[in-house]
């Protein structure tokens, strides 16, 4: 997969070549979503929001619940990144 090659080349780099430099810039550049990406993002958000609601309704408050919810928020951000970059990173 091209995405695996790209991220692995960045992770294994010992200096910035032109390719590495472009890859790093691409990771941090804003990429507007097309309609398909927007729909995919909405599905992910709805599913993860539903998971948080189940946790709030069925898991006692406390540090572990807080961490569980935080990890779901992190999962949303990582899913958004995967949608944005089409699995490249």
PDB file of N, CA and C in Angstrom:
ATOM      1  N   UNK A   1       0.838  -1.185   0.000  1.00  0.00           N
ATOM      2  CA  UNK A   1       0.000   0.000   0.000  1.00  0.00           C
ATOM      3  C   UNK A   1       0.883   1.249   0.000  1.00  0.00           C
ATOM      4  N   UNK A   2       0.542   2.202  -0.829  1.00  0.00           N
ATOM      5  CA  UNK A   2       1.341   3.405  -0.960  1.00  0.00           C
ATOM      6  C   UNK A   2       1.413   4.175   0.354  1.00  0.00           C
ATOM      7  N   UNK A   3       0.306   4.223   1.102  1.00  0.00           N
ATOM      8  CA  UNK A   3       0.290   4.927   2.377  1.00  0.00           C
ATOM      9  C   UNK A   3       1.299   4.370   3.356  1.00  0.00           C
ATOM     10  N   UNK A   4       1.418   3.042   3.409  1.00  0.00           N
ATOM     11  CA  UNK A   4       2.375   2.422   4.326  1.00  0.00           C
ATOM     12  C   UNK A   4       3.797   2.810   3.942  1.00  0.00           C
ATOM     13  N   UNK A   5       4.098   2.812   2.665  1.00  0.00           N
ATOM     14  CA  UNK A   5       5.432   3.200   2.216  1.00  0.00           C
ATOM     15  C   UNK A   5       5.717   4.638   2.642  1.00  0.00           C
ATOM     16  N   UNK A   6       4.742   5.498   2.464  1.00  0.00           N
ATOM     17  CA  UNK A   6       4.936   6.918   2.761  1.00  0.00           C
ATOM     18  C   UNK A   6       5.204   7.160   4.248  1.00  0.00           C
ATOM     19  N   UNK A   7       4.335   6.648   5.105  1.00  0.00           N
ATOM     20  CA  UNK A   7       4.523   6.877   6.542  1.00  0.00           C
ATOM     21  C   UNK A   7       5.771   6.165   7.041  1.00  0.00           C
ATOM     22  N   UNK A   8       6.052   4.978   6.542  1.00  0.00           N
ATOM     23  CA  UNK A   8       7.253   4.271   6.967  1.00  0.00           C
ATOM     24  C   UNK A   8       8.506   5.015   6.543  1.00  0.00           C
ATOM     25  N   UNK A   9       8.470   5.652   5.381  1.00  0.00           N
ATOM     26  CA  UNK A   9       9.658   6.397   4.961  1.00  0.00           C
ATOM     27  C   UNK A   9       9.870   7.606   5.876  1.00  0.00           C
ATOM     28  N   UNK A  10       8.777   8.224   6.327  1.00  0.00           N
ATOM     29  CA  UNK A  10       8.913   9.352   7.252  1.00  0.00           C
ATOM     30  C   UNK A  10       9.403   8.867   8.609  1.00  0.00           C
ATOM     31  N   UNK A  11       8.826   7.790   9.123  1.00  0.00           N
ATOM     32  CA  UNK A  11       9.212   7.278  10.437  1.00  0.00           C
ATOM     33  C   UNK A  11      10.650   6.774  10.462  1.00  0.00           C
ATOM     34  N   UNK A  12      11.126   6.283   9.355  1.00  0.00           N
ATOM     35  CA  UNK A  12      12.483   5.743   9.315  1.00  0.00           C
ATOM     36  C   UNK A  12      13.527   6.729   8.826  1.00  0.00           C
ATOM     37  N   UNK A  13      13.095   7.930   8.481  1.00  0.00           N
ATOM     38  CA  UNK A  13      14.021   8.914   7.913  1.00  0.00           C
ATOM     39  C   UNK A  13      15.033   9.392   8.949  1.00  0.00           C
ATOM     40  N   UNK A  14      16.257   9.604   8.497  1.00  0.00           N
ATOM     41  CA  UNK A  14      17.285  10.186   9.354  1.00  0.00           C
ATOM     42  C   UNK A  14      17.567  11.633   8.979  1.00  0.00           C
ATOM     43  N   UNK A  15      16.975  12.076   7.860  1.00  0.00           N
ATOM     44  CA  UNK A  15      17.068  13.474   7.441  1.00  0.00           C
ATOM     45  C   UNK A  15      15.923  13.758   6.490  1.00  0.00           C
ATOM     46  N   UNK A  16      15.649  15.026   6.260  1.00  0.00           N
ATOM     47  CA  UNK A  16      14.569  15.429   5.364  1.00  0.00           C
ATOM     48  C   UNK A  16      15.061  15.476   3.926  1.00  0.00           C
ATOM     49  N   UNK A  17      14.616  14.539   3.131  1.00  0.00           N
ATOM     50  CA  UNK A  17      14.813  14.614   1.681  1.00  0.00           C
ATOM     51  C   UNK A  17      13.627  15.386   1.116  1.00  0.00           C
ATOM     52  N   UNK A  18      13.634  15.637  -0.177  1.00  0.00           N
ATOM     53  CA  UNK A  18      12.494  16.325  -0.794  1.00  0.00           C
ATOM     54  C   UNK A  18      11.206  15.533  -0.576  1.00  0.00           C
ATOM     55  N   UNK A  19      11.255  14.207  -0.737  1.00  0.00           N
ATOM     56  CA  UNK A  19      10.073  13.364  -0.556  1.00  0.00           C
ATOM     57  C   UNK A  19       9.575  13.419   0.896  1.00  0.00           C
ATOM     58  N   UNK A  20      10.478  13.311   1.841  1.00  0.00           N
ATOM     59  CA  UNK A  20      10.116  13.355   3.263  1.00  0.00           C
ATOM     60  C   UNK A  20       9.528  14.721   3.598  1.00  0.00           C
ATOM     61  N   UNK A  21      10.159  15.769   3.110  1.00  0.00           N
ATOM     62  CA  UNK A  21       9.689  17.128   3.360  1.00  0.00           C
ATOM     63  C   UNK A  21       8.265  17.314   2.833  1.00  0.00           C
ATOM     64  N   UNK A  22       7.995  16.847   1.618  1.00  0.00           N
ATOM     65  CA  UNK A  22       6.652  16.955   1.045  1.00  0.00           C
ATOM     66  C   UNK A  22       5.643  16.142   1.862  1.00  0.00           C
ATOM     67  N   UNK A  23       6.042  14.966   2.309  1.00  0.00           N
ATOM     68  CA  UNK A  23       5.158  14.127   3.116  1.00  0.00           C
ATOM     69  C   UNK A  23       4.796  14.780   4.438  1.00  0.00           C
ATOM     70  N   UNK A  24       5.775  15.377   5.086  1.00  0.00           N
ATOM     71  CA  UNK A  24       5.516  16.063   6.356  1.00  0.00           C
ATOM     72  C   UNK A  24       4.587  17.249   6.128  1.00  0.00           C
ATOM     73  N   UNK A  25       4.855  18.029   5.101  1.00  0.00           N
ATOM     74  CA  UNK A  25       3.974  19.160   4.802  1.00  0.00           C
ATOM     75  C   UNK A  25       2.547  18.684   4.532  1.00  0.00           C
ATOM     76  N   UNK A  26       2.413  17.593   3.784  1.00  0.00           N
ATOM     77  CA  UNK A  26       1.094  17.050   3.466  1.00  0.00           C
ATOM     78  C   UNK A  26       0.343  16.613   4.722  1.00  0.00           C
ATOM     79  N   UNK A  27       1.067  16.037   5.689  1.00  0.00           N
ATOM     80  CA  UNK A  27       0.436  15.590   6.937  1.00  0.00           C
ATOM     81  C   UNK A  27      -0.216  16.737   7.688  1.00  0.00           C
ATOM     82  N   UNK A  28       0.385  17.907   7.623  1.00  0.00           N
ATOM     83  CA  UNK A  28      -0.066  19.018   8.442  1.00  0.00           C
ATOM     84  C   UNK A  28      -0.854  20.072   7.659  1.00  0.00           C
ATOM     85  N   UNK A  29      -1.020  19.866   6.382  1.00  0.00           N
ATOM     86  CA  UNK A  29      -1.765  20.805   5.549  1.00  0.00           C
ATOM     87  C   UNK A  29      -3.267  20.547   5.673  1.00  0.00           C
ATOM     88  N   UNK A  30      -4.064  21.601   5.570  1.00  0.00           N
ATOM     89  CA  UNK A  30      -5.510  21.450   5.588  1.00  0.00           C
ATOM     90  C   UNK A  30      -5.968  20.845   4.261  1.00  0.00           C
ATOM     91  N   UNK A  31      -6.808  19.819   4.349  1.00  0.00           N
ATOM     92  CA  UNK A  31      -7.383  19.177   3.177  1.00  0.00           C
ATOM     93  C   UNK A  31      -8.903  19.192   3.329  1.00  0.00           C
ATOM     94  N   UNK A  32      -9.579  19.955   2.505  1.00  0.00           N
ATOM     95  CA  UNK A  32     -11.043  20.005   2.564  1.00  0.00           C
ATOM     96  C   UNK A  32     -11.614  18.656   2.127  1.00  0.00           C
ATOM     97  N   UNK A  33     -12.679  18.237   2.800  1.00  0.00           N
ATOM     98  CA  UNK A  33     -13.315  16.965   2.466  1.00  0.00           C
ATOM     99  C   UNK A  33     -14.277  17.114   1.298  1.00  0.00           C
ATOM    100  N   UNK A  34     -14.334  16.071   0.465  1.00  0.00           N
ATOM    101  CA  UNK A  34     -15.356  16.014  -0.577  1.00  0.00           C
ATOM    102  C   UNK A  34     -16.632  15.425   0.036  1.00  0.00           C
ATOM    103  N   UNK A  35     -17.681  15.304  -0.750  1.00  0.00           N
ATOM    104  CA  UNK A  35     -18.968  14.835  -0.224  1.00  0.00           C
ATOM    105  C   UNK A  35     -18.897  13.424   0.347  1.00  0.00           C
ATOM    106  N   UNK A  36     -18.152  12.537  -0.293  1.00  0.00           N
ATOM    107  CA  UNK A  36     -18.019  11.165   0.207  1.00  0.00           C
ATOM    108  C   UNK A  36     -17.299  11.145   1.559  1.00  0.00           C
ATOM    109  N   UNK A  37     -16.246  11.924   1.676  1.00  0.00           N
ATOM    110  CA  UNK A  37     -15.523  11.998   2.943  1.00  0.00           C
ATOM    111  C   UNK A  37     -16.410  12.579   4.047  1.00  0.00           C
ATOM    112  N   UNK A  38     -17.199  13.593   3.706  1.00  0.00           N
ATOM    113  CA  UNK A  38     -18.123  14.171   4.689  1.00  0.00           C
ATOM    114  C   UNK A  38     -19.119  13.120   5.181  1.00  0.00           C
ATOM    115  N   UNK A  39     -19.648  12.328   4.264  1.00  0.00           N
ATOM    116  CA  UNK A  39     -20.603  11.274   4.648  1.00  0.00           C
ATOM    117  C   UNK A  39     -19.919  10.228   5.520  1.00  0.00           C
ATOM    118  N   UNK A  40     -18.708   9.826   5.147  1.00  0.00           N
ATOM    119  CA  UNK A  40     -17.969   8.850   5.956  1.00  0.00           C
ATOM    120  C   UNK A  40     -17.682   9.390   7.344  1.00  0.00           C
ATOM    121  N   UNK A  41     -17.270  10.648   7.420  1.00  0.00           N
ATOM    122  CA  UNK A  41     -17.001  11.272   8.708  1.00  0.00           C
ATOM    123  C   UNK A  41     -18.239  11.336   9.581  1.00  0.00           C
ATOM    124  N   UNK A  42     -19.384  11.622   8.970  1.00  0.00           N
ATOM    125  CA  UNK A  42     -20.635  11.680   9.721  1.00  0.00           C
ATOM    126  C   UNK A  42     -20.987  10.319  10.312  1.00  0.00           C
ATOM    127  N   UNK A  43     -20.797   9.246   9.535  1.00  0.00           N
ATOM    128  CA  UNK A  43     -21.062   7.892  10.047  1.00  0.00           C
ATOM    129  C   UNK A  43     -20.171   7.575  11.246  1.00  0.00           C
ATOM    130  N   UNK A  44     -18.905   7.922  11.137  1.00  0.00           N
ATOM    131  CA  UNK A  44     -17.963   7.673  12.234  1.00  0.00           C
ATOM    132  C   UNK A  44     -18.378   8.475  13.463  1.00  0.00           C
ATOM    133  N   UNK A  45     -18.663   9.764  13.283  1.00  0.00           N
ATOM    134  CA  UNK A  45     -19.062  10.612  14.417  1.00  0.00           C
ATOM    135  C   UNK A  45     -20.301  10.072  15.105  1.00  0.00           C
ATOM    136  N   UNK A  46     -21.303   9.665  14.324  1.00  0.00           N
ATOM    137  CA  UNK A  46     -22.537   9.150  14.918  1.00  0.00           C
ATOM    138  C   UNK A  46     -22.280   7.873  15.718  1.00  0.00           C
ATOM    139  N   UNK A  47     -21.477   6.975  15.173  1.00  0.00           N
ATOM    140  CA  UNK A  47     -21.190   5.720  15.867  1.00  0.00           C
ATOM    141  C   UNK A  47     -20.409   5.956  17.154  1.00  0.00           C
ATOM    142  N   UNK A  48     -19.408   6.831  17.088  1.00  0.00           N
ATOM    143  CA  UNK A  48     -18.603   7.077  18.280  1.00  0.00           C
ATOM    144  C   UNK A  48     -19.372   7.877  19.326  1.00  0.00           C
ATOM    145  N   UNK A  49     -20.225   8.786  18.894  1.00  0.00           N
ATOM    146  CA  UNK A  49     -21.075   9.515  19.843  1.00  0.00           C
ATOM    147  C   UNK A  49     -22.024   8.540  20.537  1.00  0.00           C
ATOM    148  N   UNK A  50     -22.553   7.577  19.789  1.00  0.00           N
ATOM    149  CA  UNK A  50     -23.432   6.562  20.390  1.00  0.00           C
ATOM    150  C   UNK A  50     -22.674   5.752  21.435  1.00  0.00           C
ATOM    151  N   UNK A  51     -21.419   5.429  21.154  1.00  0.00           N
ATOM    152  CA  UNK A  51     -20.610   4.679  22.118  1.00  0.00           C
ATOM    153  C   UNK A  51     -20.405   5.480  23.402  1.00  0.00           C
ATOM    154  N   UNK A  52     -20.129   6.767  23.272  1.00  0.00           N
ATOM    155  CA  UNK A  52     -19.947   7.601  24.468  1.00  0.00           C
ATOM    156  C   UNK A  52     -21.236   7.673  25.264  1.00  0.00           C
ATOM    157  N   UNK A  53     -22.385   7.770  24.603  1.00  0.00           N
ATOM    158  CA  UNK A  53     -23.670   7.815  25.298  1.00  0.00           C
ATOM    159  C   UNK A  53     -23.909   6.529  26.084  1.00  0.00           C
ATOM    160  N   UNK A  54     -23.552   5.389  25.510  1.00  0.00           N
ATOM    161  CA  UNK A  54     -23.680   4.109  26.230  1.00  0.00           C
ATOM    162  C   UNK A  54     -22.786   4.117  27.468  1.00  0.00           C
ATOM    163  N   UNK A  55     -21.567   4.601  27.319  1.00  0.00           N
ATOM    164  CA  UNK A  55     -20.647   4.658  28.457  1.00  0.00           C
ATOM    165  C   UNK A  55     -21.202   5.571  29.547  1.00  0.00           C
ATOM    166  N   UNK A  56     -21.692   6.749  29.188  1.00  0.00           N
ATOM    167  CA  UNK A  56     -22.236   7.680  30.179  1.00  0.00           C
ATOM    168  C   UNK A  56     -23.430   7.059  30.895  1.00  0.00           C
ATOM    169  N   UNK A  57     -24.260   6.346  30.151  1.00  0.00           N
ATOM    170  CA  UNK A  57     -25.467   5.758  30.735  1.00  0.00           C
ATOM    171  C   UNK A  57     -25.224   4.479  31.530  1.00  0.00           C
ATOM    172  N   UNK A  58     -24.105   3.785  31.290  1.00  0.00           N
ATOM    173  CA  UNK A  58     -23.937   2.460  31.888  1.00  0.00           C
ATOM    174  C   UNK A  58     -22.620   2.232  32.628  1.00  0.00           C
ATOM    175  N   UNK A  59     -21.765   3.220  32.653  1.00  0.00           N
ATOM    176  CA  UNK A  59     -20.471   3.072  33.326  1.00  0.00           C
ATOM    177  C   UNK A  59     -20.393   4.132  34.428  1.00  0.00           C
ATOM    178  N   UNK A  60     -20.038   3.722  35.637  1.00  0.00           N
ATOM    179  CA  UNK A  60     -19.977   4.708  36.715  1.00  0.00           C
ATOM    180  C   UNK A  60     -18.917   5.777  36.454  1.00  0.00           C
ATOM    181  N   UNK A  61     -19.211   7.010  36.867  1.00  0.00           N
ATOM    182  CA  UNK A  61     -18.220   8.076  36.699  1.00  0.00           C
ATOM    183  C   UNK A  61     -16.929   7.745  37.430  1.00  0.00           C
ATOM    184  N   UNK A  62     -15.844   8.190  36.882  1.00  0.00           N
ATOM    185  CA  UNK A  62     -14.544   7.986  37.510  1.00  0.00           C
ATOM    186  C   UNK A  62     -13.441   8.111  36.489  1.00  0.00           C
ATOM    187  N   UNK A  63     -12.223   7.985  36.958  1.00  0.00           N
ATOM    188  CA  UNK A  63     -11.067   8.163  36.072  1.00  0.00           C
ATOM    189  C   UNK A  63     -11.058   7.210  34.875  1.00  0.00           C
ATOM    190  N   UNK A  64     -11.439   5.942  35.090  1.00  0.00           N
ATOM    191  CA  UNK A  64     -11.421   4.998  33.971  1.00  0.00           C
ATOM    192  C   UNK A  64     -12.445   5.383  32.902  1.00  0.00           C
ATOM    193  N   UNK A  65     -13.635   5.835  33.329  1.00  0.00           N
ATOM    194  CA  UNK A  65     -14.647   6.260  32.362  1.00  0.00           C
ATOM    195  C   UNK A  65     -14.150   7.484  31.596  1.00  0.00           C
ATOM    196  N   UNK A  66     -13.515   8.398  32.299  1.00  0.00           N
ATOM    197  CA  UNK A  66     -12.967   9.588  31.642  1.00  0.00           C
ATOM    198  C   UNK A  66     -11.968   9.203  30.564  1.00  0.00           C
ATOM    199  N   UNK A  67     -11.087   8.272  30.878  1.00  0.00           N
ATOM    200  CA  UNK A  67     -10.085   7.829  29.906  1.00  0.00           C
ATOM    201  C   UNK A  67     -10.762   7.127  28.734  1.00  0.00           C
ATOM    202  N   UNK A  68     -11.771   6.306  29.005  1.00  0.00           N
ATOM    203  CA  UNK A  68     -12.482   5.604  27.930  1.00  0.00           C
ATOM    204  C   UNK A  68     -13.089   6.609  26.951  1.00  0.00           C
ATOM    205  N   UNK A  69     -13.722   7.643  27.490  1.00  0.00           N
ATOM    206  CA  UNK A  69     -14.323   8.666  26.628  1.00  0.00           C
ATOM    207  C   UNK A  69     -13.243   9.413  25.858  1.00  0.00           C
ATOM    208  N   UNK A  70     -12.148   9.736  26.521  1.00  0.00           N
ATOM    209  CA  UNK A  70     -11.043  10.433  25.841  1.00  0.00           C
ATOM    210  C   UNK A  70     -10.501   9.597  24.683  1.00  0.00           C
ATOM    211  N   UNK A  71     -10.384   8.291  24.884  1.00  0.00           N
ATOM    212  CA  UNK A  71      -9.866   7.427  23.820  1.00  0.00           C
ATOM    213  C   UNK A  71     -10.819   7.373  22.635  1.00  0.00           C
ATOM    214  N   UNK A  72     -12.114   7.446  22.908  1.00  0.00           N
ATOM    215  CA  UNK A  72     -13.071   7.488  21.802  1.00  0.00           C
ATOM    216  C   UNK A  72     -12.921   8.793  21.036  1.00  0.00           C
ATOM    217  N   UNK A  73     -12.702   9.894  21.747  1.00  0.00           N
ATOM    218  CA  UNK A  73     -12.455  11.173  21.070  1.00  0.00           C
ATOM    219  C   UNK A  73     -11.179  11.093  20.234  1.00  0.00           C
ATOM    220  N   UNK A  74     -10.154  10.445  20.772  1.00  0.00           N
ATOM    221  CA  UNK A  74      -8.911  10.273  20.012  1.00  0.00           C
ATOM    222  C   UNK A  74      -9.149   9.402  18.785  1.00  0.00           C
ATOM    223  N   UNK A  75      -9.980   8.376  18.934  1.00  0.00           N
ATOM    224  CA  UNK A  75     -10.307   7.511  17.800  1.00  0.00           C
ATOM    225  C   UNK A  75     -11.000   8.314  16.700  1.00  0.00           C
ATOM    226  N   UNK A  76     -11.868   9.245  17.101  1.00  0.00           N
ATOM    227  CA  UNK A  76     -12.534  10.099  16.114  1.00  0.00           C
ATOM    228  C   UNK A  76     -11.511  10.937  15.353  1.00  0.00           C
ATOM    229  N   UNK A  77     -10.554  11.486  16.072  1.00  0.00           N
ATOM    230  CA  UNK A  77      -9.547  12.312  15.410  1.00  0.00           C
ATOM    231  C   UNK A  77      -8.682  11.480  14.455  1.00  0.00           C
ATOM    232  N   UNK A  78      -8.308  10.285  14.886  1.00  0.00           N
ATOM    233  CA  UNK A  78      -7.510   9.413  14.021  1.00  0.00           C
ATOM    234  C   UNK A  78      -8.319   8.961  12.809  1.00  0.00           C
ATOM    235  N   UNK A  79      -9.605   8.667  13.006  1.00  0.00           N
ATOM    236  CA  UNK A  79     -10.467   8.289  11.880  1.00  0.00           C
ATOM    237  C   UNK A  79     -10.597   9.452  10.900  1.00  0.00           C
ATOM    238  N   UNK A  80     -10.762  10.668  11.443  1.00  0.00           N
ATOM    239  CA  UNK A  80     -10.834  11.843  10.570  1.00  0.00           C
ATOM    240  C   UNK A  80      -9.559  11.987   9.747  1.00  0.00           C
ATOM    241  N   UNK A  81      -8.418  11.765  10.371  1.00  0.00           N
ATOM    242  CA  UNK A  81      -7.146  11.859   9.655  1.00  0.00           C
ATOM    243  C   UNK A  81      -7.061  10.800   8.563  1.00  0.00           C
ATOM    244  N   UNK A  82      -7.499   9.589   8.873  1.00  0.00           N
ATOM    245  CA  UNK A  82      -7.476   8.521   7.866  1.00  0.00           C
ATOM    246  C   UNK A  82      -8.387   8.855   6.695  1.00  0.00           C
ATOM    247  N   UNK A  83      -9.555   9.439   6.995  1.00  0.00           N
ATOM    248  CA  UNK A  83     -10.462   9.853   5.919  1.00  0.00           C
ATOM    249  C   UNK A  83      -9.815  10.969   5.104  1.00  0.00           C
ATOM    250  N   UNK A  84      -9.259  11.945   5.780  1.00  0.00           N
ATOM    251  CA  UNK A  84      -8.639  13.085   5.097  1.00  0.00           C
ATOM    252  C   UNK A  84      -7.539  12.648   4.163  1.00  0.00           C
ATOM    253  N   UNK A  85      -6.677  11.741   4.635  1.00  0.00           N
ATOM    254  CA  UNK A  85      -5.501  11.343   3.851  1.00  0.00           C
ATOM    255  C   UNK A  85      -5.712  10.039   3.097  1.00  0.00           C
ATOM    256  N   UNK A  86      -6.962   9.549   3.090  1.00  0.00           N
ATOM    257  CA  UNK A  86      -7.279   8.324   2.355  1.00  0.00           C
ATOM    258  C   UNK A  86      -6.369   7.160   2.734  1.00  0.00           C
ATOM    259  N   UNK A  87      -6.089   7.050   4.040  1.00  0.00           N
ATOM    260  CA  UNK A  87      -5.286   5.942   4.540  1.00  0.00           C
ATOM    261  C   UNK A  87      -3.790   6.069   4.312  1.00  0.00           C
ATOM    262  N   UNK A  88      -3.325   7.223   3.871  1.00  0.00           N
ATOM    263  CA  UNK A  88      -1.897   7.391   3.528  1.00  0.00           C
ATOM    264  C   UNK A  88      -0.991   7.328   4.746  1.00  0.00           C
ATOM    265  N   UNK A  89      -1.477   7.794   5.905  1.00  0.00           N
ATOM    266  CA  UNK A  89      -0.605   7.867   7.092  1.00  0.00           C
ATOM    267  C   UNK A  89      -1.118   6.990   8.201  1.00  0.00           C
TER     268      UNK A  89
END
